[in-house]
Amino acid sequence: NDVLSVPNYPITIDPIKFSQSYYGQAIKPVGKANEEKIS
């Protein structure tokens, strides 16, 4: 959704309107090693 343009042309456009996410679950790393890498 970023707009890049040459310095003397300061424009932007409407972003993509992505669907909202409401379906959730908790995510749990399996093992200590995975806890450190998941972020």
PDB file of all heavy atoms in Angstrom:
ATOM      1  N   ASN A   1       0.807  -1.236   0.000  1.00  0.00           N
ATOM      2  CA  ASN A   1       0.000   0.000   0.000  1.00  0.00           C
ATOM      3  C   ASN A   1       0.833   1.275   0.000  1.00  0.00           C
ATOM      4  O   ASN A   1       0.275   2.375   0.041  1.00  0.00           O
ATOM      5  CB  ASN A   1      -1.002   0.043   1.164  1.00  0.00           C
ATOM      6  CG  ASN A   1      -2.315  -0.636   0.819  1.00  0.00           C
ATOM      7  OD1 ASN A   1      -2.716  -0.672  -0.342  1.00  0.00           O
ATOM      8  ND2 ASN A   1      -2.993  -1.177   1.816  1.00  0.00           N
ATOM      9  N   ASP A   2       2.150   1.152  -0.073  1.00  0.00           N
ATOM     10  CA  ASP A   2       2.995   2.352  -0.160  1.00  0.00           C
ATOM     11  C   ASP A   2       3.024   2.887  -1.585  1.00  0.00           C
ATOM     12  O   ASP A   2       2.969   2.123  -2.555  1.00  0.00           O
ATOM     13  CB  ASP A   2       4.425   2.047   0.286  1.00  0.00           C
ATOM     14  CG  ASP A   2       4.566   2.031   1.806  1.00  0.00           C
ATOM     15  OD1 ASP A   2       3.598   2.422   2.488  1.00  0.00           O
ATOM     16  OD2 ASP A   2       5.639   1.633   2.295  1.00  0.00           O
ATOM     17  N   VAL A   3       3.112   4.210  -1.689  1.00  0.00           N
ATOM     18  CA  VAL A   3       3.320   4.885  -2.972  1.00  0.00           C
ATOM     19  C   VAL A   3       4.706   5.499  -2.963  1.00  0.00           C
ATOM     20  O   VAL A   3       5.083   6.201  -2.013  1.00  0.00           O
ATOM     21  CB  VAL A   3       2.262   5.982  -3.210  1.00  0.00           C
ATOM     22  CG1 VAL A   3       2.603   6.801  -4.454  1.00  0.00           C
ATOM     23  CG2 VAL A   3       0.878   5.365  -3.363  1.00  0.00           C
ATOM     24  N   LEU A   4       5.487   5.220  -4.003  1.00  0.00           N
ATOM     25  CA  LEU A   4       6.800   5.831  -4.186  1.00  0.00           C
ATOM     26  C   LEU A   4       6.755   6.679  -5.445  1.00  0.00           C
ATOM     27  O   LEU A   4       6.203   6.261  -6.467  1.00  0.00           O
ATOM     28  CB  LEU A   4       7.899   4.770  -4.315  1.00  0.00           C
ATOM     29  CG  LEU A   4       8.435   4.133  -3.018  1.00  0.00           C
ATOM     30  CD1 LEU A   4       7.370   3.299  -2.319  1.00  0.00           C
ATOM     31  CD2 LEU A   4       9.677   3.282  -3.319  1.00  0.00           C
ATOM     32  N   SER A   5       7.315   7.868  -5.369  1.00  0.00           N
ATOM     33  CA  SER A   5       7.329   8.747  -6.543  1.00  0.00           C
ATOM     34  C   SER A   5       8.594   9.591  -6.529  1.00  0.00           C
ATOM     35  O   SER A   5       9.288   9.688  -5.510  1.00  0.00           O
ATOM     36  CB  SER A   5       6.089   9.652  -6.558  1.00  0.00           C
ATOM     37  OG  SER A   5       6.055  10.482  -5.408  1.00  0.00           O
ATOM     38  N   VAL A   6       8.885  10.225  -7.672  1.00  0.00           N
ATOM     39  CA  VAL A   6      10.062  11.082  -7.747  1.00  0.00           C
ATOM     40  C   VAL A   6       9.881  12.267  -6.802  1.00  0.00           C
ATOM     41  O   VAL A   6       8.745  12.639  -6.458  1.00  0.00           O
ATOM     42  CB  VAL A   6      10.303  11.559  -9.191  1.00  0.00           C
ATOM     43  CG1 VAL A   6      10.669  10.377 -10.077  1.00  0.00           C
ATOM     44  CG2 VAL A   6       9.085  12.285  -9.741  1.00  0.00           C
ATOM     45  N   PRO A   7      10.952  12.865  -6.319  1.00  0.00           N
ATOM     46  CA  PRO A   7      10.863  13.891  -5.269  1.00  0.00           C
ATOM     47  C   PRO A   7       9.910  15.046  -5.567  1.00  0.00           C
ATOM     48  O   PRO A   7       9.249  15.547  -4.657  1.00  0.00           O
ATOM     49  CB  PRO A   7      12.310  14.379  -5.151  1.00  0.00           C
ATOM     50  CG  PRO A   7      13.138  13.191  -5.541  1.00  0.00           C
ATOM     51  CD  PRO A   7      12.362  12.523  -6.636  1.00  0.00           C
ATOM     52  N   ASN A   8       9.804  15.467  -6.820  1.00  0.00           N
ATOM     53  CA  ASN A   8       8.970  16.640  -7.134  1.00  0.00           C
ATOM     54  C   ASN A   8       7.521  16.269  -7.483  1.00  0.00           C
ATOM     55  O   ASN A   8       6.783  17.081  -8.031  1.00  0.00           O
ATOM     56  CB  ASN A   8       9.584  17.416  -8.304  1.00  0.00           C
ATOM     57  CG  ASN A   8       9.649  16.593  -9.584  1.00  0.00           C
ATOM     58  OD1 ASN A   8       9.515  15.377  -9.546  1.00  0.00           O
ATOM     59  ND2 ASN A   8       9.868  17.263 -10.705  1.00  0.00           N
ATOM     60  N   TYR A   9       7.117  15.040  -7.140  1.00  0.00           N
ATOM     61  CA  TYR A   9       5.758  14.591  -7.457  1.00  0.00           C
ATOM     62  C   TYR A   9       5.147  13.930  -6.213  1.00  0.00           C
ATOM     63  O   TYR A   9       5.029  12.711  -6.119  1.00  0.00           O
ATOM     64  CB  TYR A   9       5.805  13.602  -8.630  1.00  0.00           C
ATOM     65  CG  TYR A   9       4.458  13.321  -9.272  1.00  0.00           C
ATOM     66  CD1 TYR A   9       3.581  14.350  -9.627  1.00  0.00           C
ATOM     67  CD2 TYR A   9       4.067  12.012  -9.546  1.00  0.00           C
ATOM     68  CE1 TYR A   9       2.363  14.081 -10.224  1.00  0.00           C
ATOM     69  CE2 TYR A   9       2.848  11.731 -10.150  1.00  0.00           C
ATOM     70  CZ  TYR A   9       1.999  12.775 -10.485  1.00  0.00           C
ATOM     71  OH  TYR A   9       0.783  12.503 -11.082  1.00  0.00           O
ATOM     72  N   PRO A  10       4.710  14.740  -5.245  1.00  0.00           N
ATOM     73  CA  PRO A  10       4.266  14.212  -3.938  1.00  0.00           C
ATOM     74  C   PRO A  10       2.818  13.714  -3.961  1.00  0.00           C
ATOM     75  O   PRO A  10       1.900  14.395  -3.507  1.00  0.00           O
ATOM     76  CB  PRO A  10       4.416  15.423  -3.016  1.00  0.00           C
ATOM     77  CG  PRO A  10       4.136  16.594  -3.907  1.00  0.00           C
ATOM     78  CD  PRO A  10       4.679  16.227  -5.269  1.00  0.00           C
ATOM     79  N   ILE A  11       2.585  12.501  -4.481  1.00  0.00           N
ATOM     80  CA  ILE A  11       1.205  11.987  -4.581  1.00  0.00           C
ATOM     81  C   ILE A  11       1.049  10.696  -3.791  1.00  0.00           C
ATOM     82  O   ILE A  11       2.022  10.012  -3.459  1.00  0.00           O
ATOM     83  CB  ILE A  11       0.789  11.733  -6.044  1.00  0.00           C
ATOM     84  CG1 ILE A  11       1.592  10.561  -6.638  1.00  0.00           C
ATOM     85  CG2 ILE A  11       0.908  12.981  -6.875  1.00  0.00           C
ATOM     86  CD1 ILE A  11       0.948   9.925  -7.841  1.00  0.00           C
ATOM     87  N   THR A  12      -0.200  10.388  -3.498  1.00  0.00           N
ATOM     88  CA  THR A  12      -0.558   9.086  -2.963  1.00  0.00           C
ATOM     89  C   THR A  12      -1.933   8.723  -3.518  1.00  0.00           C
ATOM     90  O   THR A  12      -2.601   9.564  -4.128  1.00  0.00           O
ATOM     91  CB  THR A  12      -0.567   9.088  -1.425  1.00  0.00           C
ATOM     92  OG1 THR A  12      -0.752   7.750  -0.951  1.00  0.00           O
ATOM     93  CG2 THR A  12      -1.683   9.969  -0.884  1.00  0.00           C
ATOM     94  N   ILE A  13      -2.345   7.478  -3.352  1.00  0.00           N
ATOM     95  CA  ILE A  13      -3.659   7.031  -3.828  1.00  0.00           C
ATOM     96  C   ILE A  13      -4.340   6.242  -2.712  1.00  0.00           C
ATOM     97  O   ILE A  13      -3.720   5.914  -1.693  1.00  0.00           O
ATOM     98  CB  ILE A  13      -3.562   6.166  -5.104  1.00  0.00           C
ATOM     99  CG1 ILE A  13      -2.821   4.852  -4.805  1.00  0.00           C
ATOM    100  CG2 ILE A  13      -2.893   6.924  -6.231  1.00  0.00           C
ATOM    101  CD1 ILE A  13      -2.888   3.836  -5.930  1.00  0.00           C
ATOM    102  N   ASP A  14      -5.622   5.951  -2.909  1.00  0.00           N
ATOM    103  CA  ASP A  14      -6.338   5.153  -1.917  1.00  0.00           C
ATOM    104  C   ASP A  14      -5.704   3.766  -1.814  1.00  0.00           C
ATOM    105  O   ASP A  14      -5.374   3.145  -2.825  1.00  0.00           O
ATOM    106  CB  ASP A  14      -7.811   5.001  -2.302  1.00  0.00           C
ATOM    107  CG  ASP A  14      -8.589   6.299  -2.123  1.00  0.00           C
ATOM    108  OD1 ASP A  14      -8.207   7.090  -1.239  1.00  0.00           O
ATOM    109  OD2 ASP A  14      -9.564   6.521  -2.869  1.00  0.00           O
ATOM    110  N   PRO A  15      -5.545   3.268  -0.600  1.00  0.00           N
ATOM    111  CA  PRO A  15      -4.934   1.943  -0.416  1.00  0.00           C
ATOM    112  C   PRO A  15      -5.900   0.819  -0.753  1.00  0.00           C
ATOM    113  O   PRO A  15      -7.105   1.030  -0.911  1.00  0.00           O
ATOM    114  CB  PRO A  15      -4.589   1.933   1.083  1.00  0.00           C
ATOM    115  CG  PRO A  15      -5.642   2.814   1.696  1.00  0.00           C
ATOM    116  CD  PRO A  15      -5.896   3.900   0.677  1.00  0.00           C
ATOM    117  N   ILE A  16      -5.373  -0.382  -0.849  1.00  0.00           N
ATOM    118  CA  ILE A  16      -6.205  -1.576  -0.977  1.00  0.00           C
ATOM    119  C   ILE A  16      -6.982  -1.748   0.326  1.00  0.00           C
ATOM    120  O   ILE A  16      -6.417  -1.683   1.409  1.00  0.00           O
ATOM    121  CB  ILE A  16      -5.339  -2.823  -1.225  1.00  0.00           C
ATOM    122  CG1 ILE A  16      -4.445  -2.632  -2.450  1.00  0.00           C
ATOM    123  CG2 ILE A  16      -6.210  -4.071  -1.395  1.00  0.00           C
ATOM    124  CD1 ILE A  16      -3.332  -3.663  -2.550  1.00  0.00           C
ATOM    125  N   LYS A  17      -8.278  -1.959   0.226  1.00  0.00           N
ATOM    126  CA  LYS A  17      -9.092  -2.201   1.413  1.00  0.00           C
ATOM    127  C   LYS A  17      -9.182  -3.707   1.648  1.00  0.00           C
ATOM    128  O   LYS A  17     -10.002  -4.393   1.060  1.00  0.00           O
ATOM    129  CB  LYS A  17     -10.483  -1.592   1.239  1.00  0.00           C
ATOM    130  CG  LYS A  17     -10.461  -0.072   1.164  1.00  0.00           C
ATOM    131  CD  LYS A  17     -11.874   0.499   0.999  1.00  0.00           C
ATOM    132  CE  LYS A  17     -11.821   2.017   0.935  1.00  0.00           C
ATOM    133  NZ  LYS A  17     -13.179   2.606   0.738  1.00  0.00           N
ATOM    134  N   PHE A  18      -8.294  -4.182   2.493  1.00  0.00           N
ATOM    135  CA  PHE A  18      -8.258  -5.610   2.774  1.00  0.00           C
ATOM    136  C   PHE A  18      -9.366  -5.997   3.752  1.00  0.00           C
ATOM    137  O   PHE A  18      -9.759  -5.212   4.611  1.00  0.00           O
ATOM    138  CB  PHE A  18      -6.904  -6.006   3.364  1.00  0.00           C
ATOM    139  CG  PHE A  18      -5.773  -5.970   2.374  1.00  0.00           C
ATOM    140  CD1 PHE A  18      -4.856  -4.936   2.378  1.00  0.00           C
ATOM    141  CD2 PHE A  18      -5.627  -6.975   1.435  1.00  0.00           C
ATOM    142  CE1 PHE A  18      -3.813  -4.892   1.472  1.00  0.00           C
ATOM    143  CE2 PHE A  18      -4.592  -6.947   0.521  1.00  0.00           C
ATOM    144  CZ  PHE A  18      -3.679  -5.903   0.538  1.00  0.00           C
ATOM    145  N   SER A  19      -9.847  -7.214   3.617  1.00  0.00           N
ATOM    146  CA  SER A  19     -10.870  -7.726   4.525  1.00  0.00           C
ATOM    147  C   SER A  19     -10.335  -7.781   5.944  1.00  0.00           C
ATOM    148  O   SER A  19      -9.154  -8.084   6.168  1.00  0.00           O
ATOM    149  CB  SER A  19     -11.313  -9.126   4.094  1.00  0.00           C
ATOM    150  OG  SER A  19     -11.940  -9.092   2.836  1.00  0.00           O
ATOM    151  N   GLN A  20     -11.216  -7.488   6.904  1.00  0.00           N
ATOM    152  CA  GLN A  20     -10.840  -7.557   8.311  1.00  0.00           C
ATOM    153  C   GLN A  20     -10.826  -9.009   8.784  1.00  0.00           C
ATOM    154  O   GLN A  20     -11.622  -9.828   8.343  1.00  0.00           O
ATOM    155  CB  GLN A  20     -11.824  -6.754   9.158  1.00  0.00           C
ATOM    156  CG  GLN A  20     -11.721  -5.250   8.951  1.00  0.00           C
ATOM    157  CD  GLN A  20     -10.403  -4.690   9.469  1.00  0.00           C
ATOM    158  OE1 GLN A  20     -10.006  -4.950  10.592  1.00  0.00           O
ATOM    159  NE2 GLN A  20      -9.727  -3.926   8.633  1.00  0.00           N
ATOM    160  N   SER A  21      -9.914  -9.301   9.687  1.00  0.00           N
ATOM    161  CA  SER A  21      -9.766 -10.654  10.211  1.00  0.00           C
ATOM    162  C   SER A  21     -10.332 -10.729  11.624  1.00  0.00           C
ATOM    163  O   SER A  21      -9.883 -10.001  12.516  1.00  0.00           O
ATOM    164  CB  SER A  21      -8.288 -11.056  10.226  1.00  0.00           C
ATOM    165  OG  SER A  21      -7.749 -11.020   8.919  1.00  0.00           O
ATOM    166  N   TYR A  22     -11.314 -11.613  11.808  1.00  0.00           N
ATOM    167  CA  TYR A  22     -11.936 -11.781  13.123  1.00  0.00           C
ATOM    168  C   TYR A  22     -11.825 -13.202  13.653  1.00  0.00           C
ATOM    169  O   TYR A  22     -12.122 -13.445  14.820  1.00  0.00           O
ATOM    170  CB  TYR A  22     -13.421 -11.392  13.053  1.00  0.00           C
ATOM    171  CG  TYR A  22     -13.649  -9.948  12.669  1.00  0.00           C
ATOM    172  CD1 TYR A  22     -14.172  -9.609  11.427  1.00  0.00           C
ATOM    173  CD2 TYR A  22     -13.335  -8.913  13.546  1.00  0.00           C
ATOM    174  CE1 TYR A  22     -14.383  -8.283  11.071  1.00  0.00           C
ATOM    175  CE2 TYR A  22     -13.541  -7.591  13.206  1.00  0.00           C
ATOM    176  CZ  TYR A  22     -14.075  -7.286  11.966  1.00  0.00           C
ATOM    177  OH  TYR A  22     -14.273  -5.967  11.620  1.00  0.00           O
ATOM    178  N   TYR A  23     -11.414 -14.140  12.805  1.00  0.00           N
ATOM    179  CA  TYR A  23     -11.265 -15.522  13.268  1.00  0.00           C
ATOM    180  C   TYR A  23      -9.897 -15.667  13.912  1.00  0.00           C
ATOM    181  O   TYR A  23      -8.869 -15.470  13.255  1.00  0.00           O
ATOM    182  CB  TYR A  23     -11.403 -16.506  12.105  1.00  0.00           C
ATOM    183  CG  TYR A  23     -11.243 -17.946  12.532  1.00  0.00           C
ATOM    184  CD1 TYR A  23     -12.316 -18.637  13.075  1.00  0.00           C
ATOM    185  CD2 TYR A  23     -10.031 -18.600  12.429  1.00  0.00           C
ATOM    186  CE1 TYR A  23     -12.181 -19.955  13.490  1.00  0.00           C
ATOM    187  CE2 TYR A  23      -9.871 -19.913  12.827  1.00  0.00           C
ATOM    188  CZ  TYR A  23     -10.954 -20.580  13.363  1.00  0.00           C
ATOM    189  OH  TYR A  23     -10.805 -21.882  13.775  1.00  0.00           O
ATOM    190  N   GLY A  24      -9.883 -16.002  15.197  1.00  0.00           N
ATOM    191  CA  GLY A  24      -8.616 -16.041  15.907  1.00  0.00           C
ATOM    192  C   GLY A  24      -8.364 -17.335  16.650  1.00  0.00           C
ATOM    193  O   GLY A  24      -9.291 -18.028  17.076  1.00  0.00           O
ATOM    194  N   GLN A  25      -7.093 -17.651  16.799  1.00  0.00           N
ATOM    195  CA  GLN A  25      -6.641 -18.728  17.664  1.00  0.00           C
ATOM    196  C   GLN A  25      -5.310 -18.316  18.284  1.00  0.00           C
ATOM    197  O   GLN A  25      -4.575 -17.490  17.728  1.00  0.00           O
ATOM    198  CB  GLN A  25      -6.486 -20.040  16.894  1.00  0.00           C
ATOM    199  CG  GLN A  25      -7.815 -20.683  16.489  1.00  0.00           C
ATOM    200  CD  GLN A  25      -7.647 -22.124  16.059  1.00  0.00           C
ATOM    201  OE1 GLN A  25      -7.118 -22.404  14.995  1.00  0.00           O
ATOM    202  NE2 GLN A  25      -8.103 -23.041  16.896  1.00  0.00           N
ATOM    203  N   ALA A  26      -5.036 -18.898  19.439  1.00  0.00           N
ATOM    204  CA  ALA A  26      -3.758 -18.624  20.091  1.00  0.00           C
ATOM    205  C   ALA A  26      -2.680 -19.494  19.449  1.00  0.00           C
ATOM    206  O   ALA A  26      -2.915 -20.668  19.157  1.00  0.00           O
ATOM    207  CB  ALA A  26      -3.857 -18.898  21.581  1.00  0.00           C
ATOM    208  N   ILE A  27      -1.535 -18.912  19.235  1.00  0.00           N
ATOM    209  CA  ILE A  27      -0.437 -19.639  18.611  1.00  0.00           C
ATOM    210  C   ILE A  27       0.644 -19.869  19.667  1.00  0.00           C
ATOM    211  O   ILE A  27       1.036 -18.952  20.381  1.00  0.00           O
ATOM    212  CB  ILE A  27       0.105 -18.869  17.386  1.00  0.00           C
ATOM    213  CG1 ILE A  27       1.107 -19.704  16.607  1.00  0.00           C
ATOM    214  CG2 ILE A  27       0.677 -17.513  17.767  1.00  0.00           C
ATOM    215  CD1 ILE A  27       1.435 -19.142  15.232  1.00  0.00           C
ATOM    216  N   LYS A  28       1.063 -21.113  19.777  1.00  0.00           N
ATOM    217  CA  LYS A  28       1.973 -21.495  20.857  1.00  0.00           C
ATOM    218  C   LYS A  28       3.187 -22.219  20.289  1.00  0.00           C
ATOM    219  O   LYS A  28       3.056 -23.281  19.667  1.00  0.00           O
ATOM    220  CB  LYS A  28       1.240 -22.401  21.849  1.00  0.00           C
ATOM    221  CG  LYS A  28       2.025 -22.718  23.109  1.00  0.00           C
ATOM    222  CD  LYS A  28       1.174 -23.550  24.070  1.00  0.00           C
ATOM    223  CE  LYS A  28       1.932 -23.837  25.357  1.00  0.00           C
ATOM    224  NZ  LYS A  28       1.110 -24.630  26.304  1.00  0.00           N
ATOM    225  N   PRO A  29       4.388 -21.642  20.452  1.00  0.00           N
ATOM    226  CA  PRO A  29       5.594 -22.316  19.964  1.00  0.00           C
ATOM    227  C   PRO A  29       5.805 -23.650  20.678  1.00  0.00           C
ATOM    228  O   PRO A  29       5.525 -23.785  21.867  1.00  0.00           O
ATOM    229  CB  PRO A  29       6.716 -21.334  20.304  1.00  0.00           C
ATOM    230  CG  PRO A  29       6.038 -20.031  20.572  1.00  0.00           C
ATOM    231  CD  PRO A  29       4.681 -20.360  21.097  1.00  0.00           C
ATOM    232  N   VAL A  30       6.285 -24.634  19.932  1.00  0.00           N
ATOM    233  CA  VAL A  30       6.577 -25.941  20.507  1.00  0.00           C
ATOM    234  C   VAL A  30       8.067 -25.998  20.807  1.00  0.00           C
ATOM    235  O   VAL A  30       8.894 -26.115  19.903  1.00  0.00           O
ATOM    236  CB  VAL A  30       6.177 -27.075  19.534  1.00  0.00           C
ATOM    237  CG1 VAL A  30       6.527 -28.433  20.143  1.00  0.00           C
ATOM    238  CG2 VAL A  30       4.700 -27.001  19.199  1.00  0.00           C
ATOM    239  N   GLY A  31       8.421 -25.860  22.072  1.00  0.00           N
ATOM    240  CA  GLY A  31       9.827 -25.918  22.458  1.00  0.00           C
ATOM    241  C   GLY A  31      10.443 -24.545  22.619  1.00  0.00           C
ATOM    242  O   GLY A  31      10.025 -23.557  22.017  1.00  0.00           O
ATOM    243  N   LYS A  32      11.459 -24.468  23.456  1.00  0.00           N
ATOM    244  CA  LYS A  32      12.125 -23.206  23.786  1.00  0.00           C
ATOM    245  C   LYS A  32      12.768 -22.561  22.565  1.00  0.00           C
ATOM    246  O   LYS A  32      12.709 -21.341  22.385  1.00  0.00           O
ATOM    247  CB  LYS A  32      13.189 -23.470  24.865  1.00  0.00           C
ATOM    248  CG  LYS A  32      13.878 -22.226  25.390  1.00  0.00           C
ATOM    249  CD  LYS A  32      12.933 -21.355  26.195  1.00  0.00           C
ATOM    250  CE  LYS A  32      13.664 -20.167  26.808  1.00  0.00           C
ATOM    251  NZ  LYS A  32      12.754 -19.273  27.568  1.00  0.00           N
ATOM    252  N   ALA A  33      13.375 -23.358  21.714  1.00  0.00           N
ATOM    253  CA  ALA A  33      14.065 -22.810  20.538  1.00  0.00           C
ATOM    254  C   ALA A  33      13.100 -22.071  19.630  1.00  0.00           C
ATOM    255  O   ALA A  33      13.422 -21.018  19.073  1.00  0.00           O
ATOM    256  CB  ALA A  33      14.765 -23.931  19.771  1.00  0.00           C
ATOM    257  N   ASN A  34      11.895 -22.603  19.482  1.00  0.00           N
ATOM    258  CA  ASN A  34      10.903 -21.965  18.620  1.00  0.00           C
ATOM    259  C   ASN A  34      10.375 -20.667  19.220  1.00  0.00           C
ATOM    260  O   ASN A  34       9.968 -19.770  18.494  1.00  0.00           O
ATOM    261  CB  ASN A  34       9.748 -22.930  18.349  1.00  0.00           C
ATOM    262  CG  ASN A  34      10.168 -24.088  17.448  1.00  0.00           C
ATOM    263  OD1 ASN A  34      10.905 -23.900  16.492  1.00  0.00           O
ATOM    264  ND2 ASN A  34       9.710 -25.286  17.765  1.00  0.00           N
ATOM    265  N   GLU A  35      10.345 -20.556  20.552  1.00  0.00           N
ATOM    266  CA  GLU A  35       9.893 -19.335  21.203  1.00  0.00           C
ATOM    267  C   GLU A  35      10.765 -18.149  20.802  1.00  0.00           C
ATOM    268  O   GLU A  35      10.287 -17.032  20.640  1.00  0.00           O
ATOM    269  CB  GLU A  35       9.933 -19.503  22.728  1.00  0.00           C
ATOM    270  CG  GLU A  35       8.847 -20.401  23.283  1.00  0.00           C
ATOM    271  CD  GLU A  35       8.907 -20.491  24.796  1.00  0.00           C
ATOM    272  OE1 GLU A  35       9.595 -19.645  25.408  1.00  0.00           O
ATOM    273  OE2 GLU A  35       8.285 -21.397  25.365  1.00  0.00           O
ATOM    274  N   GLU A  36      12.037 -18.386  20.649  1.00  0.00           N
ATOM    275  CA  GLU A  36      12.980 -17.313  20.336  1.00  0.00           C
ATOM    276  C   GLU A  36      12.897 -16.885  18.877  1.00  0.00           C
ATOM    277  O   GLU A  36      13.212 -15.746  18.538  1.00  0.00           O
ATOM    278  CB  GLU A  36      14.405 -17.764  20.675  1.00  0.00           C
ATOM    279  CG  GLU A  36      14.593 -18.092  22.161  1.00  0.00           C
ATOM    280  CD  GLU A  36      15.938 -18.736  22.447  1.00  0.00           C
ATOM    281  OE1 GLU A  36      16.676 -19.021  21.467  1.00  0.00           O
ATOM    282  OE2 GLU A  36      16.252 -18.958  23.638  1.00  0.00           O
ATOM    283  N   LYS A  37      12.452 -17.788  17.992  1.00  0.00           N
ATOM    284  CA  LYS A  37      12.460 -17.485  16.556  1.00  0.00           C
ATOM    285  C   LYS A  37      11.117 -17.022  16.013  1.00  0.00           C
ATOM    286  O   LYS A  37      11.059 -16.464  14.916  1.00  0.00           O
ATOM    287  CB  LYS A  37      12.909 -18.730  15.776  1.00  0.00           C
ATOM    288  CG  LYS A  37      14.319 -19.204  16.084  1.00  0.00           C
ATOM    289  CD  LYS A  37      14.741 -20.340  15.175  1.00  0.00           C
ATOM    290  CE  LYS A  37      13.936 -21.601  15.425  1.00  0.00           C
ATOM    291  NZ  LYS A  37      14.376 -22.750  14.599  1.00  0.00           N
ATOM    292  N   ILE A  38      10.038 -17.239  16.765  1.00  0.00           N
ATOM    293  CA  ILE A  38       8.707 -17.050  16.190  1.00  0.00           C
ATOM    294  C   ILE A  38       8.392 -15.594  15.896  1.00  0.00           C
ATOM    295  O   ILE A  38       7.713 -15.273  14.919  1.00  0.00           O
ATOM    296  CB  ILE A  38       7.617 -17.653  17.105  1.00  0.00           C
ATOM    297  CG1 ILE A  38       6.276 -17.658  16.365  1.00  0.00           C
ATOM    298  CG2 ILE A  38       7.523 -16.901  18.430  1.00  0.00           C
ATOM    299  CD1 ILE A  38       5.191 -18.413  17.074  1.00  0.00           C
ATOM    300  N   SER A  39       8.881 -14.679  16.706  1.00  0.00           N
ATOM    301  CA  SER A  39       8.537 -13.264  16.537  1.00  0.00           C
ATOM    302  C   SER A  39       8.971 -12.736  15.172  1.00  0.00           C
ATOM    303  O   SER A  39       8.190 -12.104  14.461  1.00  0.00           O
ATOM    304  CB  SER A  39       9.172 -12.433  17.655  1.00  0.00           C
ATOM    305  OG  SER A  39       8.857 -11.075  17.496  1.00  0.00           O
TER     306      SER A  39
END
